[in-house]
């Protein structure tokens, strides 16, 4: 069985930083994409960032571009999200997902249960 577990969430003030981690276990194959999503209170879940096989291609939502950086540990199926210059609007439950073949979207194959990020002003 495949498990996806996020960690690193917490409560920080605006302008601060957090680094989220996601570990995918129980899967020995390759993935086309590892990505981060978030769902803020009262809003739909949205894609935040994604990194594709080999780490050569990354994508970001316009709202986080220039502030967040996605990276991966190729040896251990681990993906990170470094979040800098955090804003109250970044408050959300952050989810990690893995797509075996397709892109990182709502059709991703494996999902974590989320880690909560709360930004105060």
C-alpha atoms as a PDB file:
ATOM      1  CA  UNK A   1       0.000   0.000   0.000  1.00  0.00           C
ATOM      2  CA  UNK A   2       1.160   3.495  -0.849  1.00  0.00           C
ATOM      3  CA  UNK A   3       1.273   6.188   1.810  1.00  0.00           C
ATOM      4  CA  UNK A   4       1.739   9.914   1.318  1.00  0.00           C
ATOM      5  CA  UNK A   5       2.540  11.843   4.488  1.00  0.00           C
ATOM      6  CA  UNK A   6       3.019  15.605   4.774  1.00  0.00           C
ATOM      7  CA  UNK A   7       4.725  17.401   7.646  1.00  0.00           C
ATOM      8  CA  UNK A   8       6.118  20.806   8.558  1.00  0.00           C
ATOM      9  CA  UNK A   9       2.940  22.824   8.885  1.00  0.00           C
ATOM     10  CA  UNK A  10       2.424  25.257  11.716  1.00  0.00           C
ATOM     11  CA  UNK A  11       1.457  28.777  12.710  1.00  0.00           C
ATOM     12  CA  UNK A  12       3.687  31.730  11.807  1.00  0.00           C
ATOM     13  CA  UNK A  13       3.310  35.470  11.365  1.00  0.00           C
ATOM     14  CA  UNK A  14       3.124  37.224   8.013  1.00  0.00           C
ATOM     15  CA  UNK A  15       6.525  37.585   6.390  1.00  0.00           C
ATOM     16  CA  UNK A  16       7.821  34.403   7.961  1.00  0.00           C
ATOM     17  CA  UNK A  17       8.812  31.109   6.363  1.00  0.00           C
ATOM     18  CA  UNK A  18       8.007  27.417   6.568  1.00  0.00           C
ATOM     19  CA  UNK A  19       9.307  24.320   4.816  1.00  0.00           C
ATOM     20  CA  UNK A  20       6.895  21.478   4.164  1.00  0.00           C
ATOM     21  CA  UNK A  21       7.978  17.894   3.526  1.00  0.00           C
ATOM     22  CA  UNK A  22       6.178  15.015   1.846  1.00  0.00           C
ATOM     23  CA  UNK A  23       7.277  11.385   1.944  1.00  0.00           C
ATOM     24  CA  UNK A  24       5.833   8.801  -0.440  1.00  0.00           C
ATOM     25  CA  UNK A  25       6.312   5.244   0.820  1.00  0.00           C
ATOM     26  CA  UNK A  26       5.271   1.781  -0.336  1.00  0.00           C
ATOM     27  CA  UNK A  27       5.850   2.610  -3.992  1.00  0.00           C
ATOM     28  CA  UNK A  28       8.938   1.430  -5.867  1.00  0.00           C
ATOM     29  CA  UNK A  29       8.119   2.680  -9.337  1.00  0.00           C
ATOM     30  CA  UNK A  30       8.663   6.077 -10.855  1.00  0.00           C
ATOM     31  CA  UNK A  31       6.326   9.060 -10.824  1.00  0.00           C
ATOM     32  CA  UNK A  32       5.757  11.620 -13.529  1.00  0.00           C
ATOM     33  CA  UNK A  33       4.968  14.380 -11.065  1.00  0.00           C
ATOM     34  CA  UNK A  34       4.986  15.242  -7.370  1.00  0.00           C
ATOM     35  CA  UNK A  35       2.964  18.270  -6.384  1.00  0.00           C
ATOM     36  CA  UNK A  36       1.527  20.465  -3.655  1.00  0.00           C
ATOM     37  CA  UNK A  37      -2.072  21.639  -3.424  1.00  0.00           C
ATOM     38  CA  UNK A  38      -3.921  23.725  -0.846  1.00  0.00           C
ATOM     39  CA  UNK A  39      -7.457  24.372   0.299  1.00  0.00           C
ATOM     40  CA  UNK A  40      -8.209  27.582   2.179  1.00  0.00           C
ATOM     41  CA  UNK A  41     -11.318  27.954   4.362  1.00  0.00           C
ATOM     42  CA  UNK A  42     -14.379  28.434   2.168  1.00  0.00           C
ATOM     43  CA  UNK A  43     -12.440  27.966  -1.072  1.00  0.00           C
ATOM     44  CA  UNK A  44     -11.800  25.223  -3.616  1.00  0.00           C
ATOM     45  CA  UNK A  45      -8.583  23.233  -3.587  1.00  0.00           C
ATOM     46  CA  UNK A  46      -5.964  24.708  -5.901  1.00  0.00           C
ATOM     47  CA  UNK A  47      -2.633  23.609  -7.305  1.00  0.00           C
ATOM     48  CA  UNK A  48       0.351  25.357  -5.722  1.00  0.00           C
ATOM     49  CA  UNK A  49       3.487  23.833  -7.224  1.00  0.00           C
ATOM     50  CA  UNK A  50       4.664  20.740  -9.072  1.00  0.00           C
ATOM     51  CA  UNK A  51       7.936  19.107 -10.021  1.00  0.00           C
ATOM     52  CA  UNK A  52       8.274  16.610 -12.857  1.00  0.00           C
ATOM     53  CA  UNK A  53      10.438  13.525 -13.281  1.00  0.00           C
ATOM     54  CA  UNK A  54      14.111  14.404 -13.245  1.00  0.00           C
ATOM     55  CA  UNK A  55      13.490  17.740 -11.548  1.00  0.00           C
ATOM     56  CA  UNK A  56      14.051  19.664 -14.777  1.00  0.00           C
ATOM     57  CA  UNK A  57      10.547  21.113 -14.954  1.00  0.00           C
ATOM     58  CA  UNK A  58       8.646  22.931 -12.201  1.00  0.00           C
ATOM     59  CA  UNK A  59       5.395  24.889 -12.203  1.00  0.00           C
ATOM     60  CA  UNK A  60       3.884  27.378  -9.754  1.00  0.00           C
ATOM     61  CA  UNK A  61       0.593  29.112  -9.209  1.00  0.00           C
ATOM     62  CA  UNK A  62       0.780  32.827  -9.968  1.00  0.00           C
ATOM     63  CA  UNK A  63      -0.110  33.613  -6.356  1.00  0.00           C
ATOM     64  CA  UNK A  64       3.048  31.942  -5.002  1.00  0.00           C
ATOM     65  CA  UNK A  65       5.515  32.488  -7.838  1.00  0.00           C
ATOM     66  CA  UNK A  66       8.728  34.032  -6.553  1.00  0.00           C
ATOM     67  CA  UNK A  67       7.929  33.143  -2.936  1.00  0.00           C
ATOM     68  CA  UNK A  68       7.644  29.339  -2.915  1.00  0.00           C
ATOM     69  CA  UNK A  69      10.161  26.793  -4.185  1.00  0.00           C
ATOM     70  CA  UNK A  70       9.498  23.097  -4.799  1.00  0.00           C
ATOM     71  CA  UNK A  71      12.334  20.570  -4.714  1.00  0.00           C
ATOM     72  CA  UNK A  72      12.803  16.811  -4.417  1.00  0.00           C
ATOM     73  CA  UNK A  73      14.987  14.132  -2.909  1.00  0.00           C
ATOM     74  CA  UNK A  74      15.472  11.727  -5.817  1.00  0.00           C
ATOM     75  CA  UNK A  75      16.655   8.843  -3.650  1.00  0.00           C
ATOM     76  CA  UNK A  76      13.767   8.698  -1.191  1.00  0.00           C
ATOM     77  CA  UNK A  77      10.553   9.803  -2.944  1.00  0.00           C
ATOM     78  CA  UNK A  78      10.491  12.985  -0.925  1.00  0.00           C
ATOM     79  CA  UNK A  79       9.313  16.403  -2.056  1.00  0.00           C
ATOM     80  CA  UNK A  80       9.665  19.746  -0.284  1.00  0.00           C
ATOM     81  CA  UNK A  81       7.967  23.113  -0.458  1.00  0.00           C
ATOM     82  CA  UNK A  82       9.967  26.065   0.845  1.00  0.00           C
ATOM     83  CA  UNK A  83       7.548  28.904   1.570  1.00  0.00           C
ATOM     84  CA  UNK A  84       8.958  32.392   2.106  1.00  0.00           C
ATOM     85  CA  UNK A  85       7.352  35.807   2.600  1.00  0.00           C
ATOM     86  CA  UNK A  86       4.173  34.163   3.815  1.00  0.00           C
ATOM     87  CA  UNK A  87       0.901  36.070   3.708  1.00  0.00           C
ATOM     88  CA  UNK A  88      -2.390  35.576   5.584  1.00  0.00           C
ATOM     89  CA  UNK A  89      -3.873  34.487   2.232  1.00  0.00           C
ATOM     90  CA  UNK A  90      -1.545  31.454   2.321  1.00  0.00           C
ATOM     91  CA  UNK A  91      -3.461  30.026   5.283  1.00  0.00           C
ATOM     92  CA  UNK A  92      -4.754  26.632   4.160  1.00  0.00           C
ATOM     93  CA  UNK A  93      -4.511  22.887   4.465  1.00  0.00           C
ATOM     94  CA  UNK A  94      -1.624  21.845   2.234  1.00  0.00           C
ATOM     95  CA  UNK A  95      -1.765  18.493   0.436  1.00  0.00           C
ATOM     96  CA  UNK A  96       0.901  16.470  -1.336  1.00  0.00           C
ATOM     97  CA  UNK A  97       0.071  14.325  -4.362  1.00  0.00           C
ATOM     98  CA  UNK A  98       1.858  11.963  -6.736  1.00  0.00           C
ATOM     99  CA  UNK A  99       0.935  11.248 -10.342  1.00  0.00           C
ATOM    100  CA  UNK A 100       2.350   8.093 -11.905  1.00  0.00           C
ATOM    101  CA  UNK A 101       1.867   9.036 -15.551  1.00  0.00           C
ATOM    102  CA  UNK A 102      -0.146  12.221 -15.926  1.00  0.00           C
ATOM    103  CA  UNK A 103       0.368  15.734 -14.628  1.00  0.00           C
ATOM    104  CA  UNK A 104      -0.135  16.895 -11.053  1.00  0.00           C
ATOM    105  CA  UNK A 105      -3.842  17.695 -11.023  1.00  0.00           C
ATOM    106  CA  UNK A 106      -6.985  16.440  -9.274  1.00  0.00           C
ATOM    107  CA  UNK A 107      -6.486  13.130 -11.088  1.00  0.00           C
ATOM    108  CA  UNK A 108      -3.223  12.407  -9.258  1.00  0.00           C
ATOM    109  CA  UNK A 109      -2.928   8.800  -8.132  1.00  0.00           C
ATOM    110  CA  UNK A 110      -1.901   9.199  -4.498  1.00  0.00           C
ATOM    111  CA  UNK A 111      -2.795  11.873  -1.954  1.00  0.00           C
ATOM    112  CA  UNK A 112      -1.790  12.758   1.583  1.00  0.00           C
ATOM    113  CA  UNK A 113      -4.175  13.864   4.313  1.00  0.00           C
ATOM    114  CA  UNK A 114      -2.678  17.337   4.573  1.00  0.00           C
ATOM    115  CA  UNK A 115      -0.711  19.556   6.930  1.00  0.00           C
ATOM    116  CA  UNK A 116      -2.169  22.811   8.243  1.00  0.00           C
ATOM    117  CA  UNK A 117      -0.474  26.165   7.644  1.00  0.00           C
ATOM    118  CA  UNK A 118      -1.803  29.220   9.485  1.00  0.00           C
ATOM    119  CA  UNK A 119      -0.444  32.713   8.818  1.00  0.00           C
ATOM    120  CA  UNK A 120      -1.399  35.566  11.111  1.00  0.00           C
ATOM    121  CA  UNK A 121      -1.109  39.283  10.394  1.00  0.00           C
END
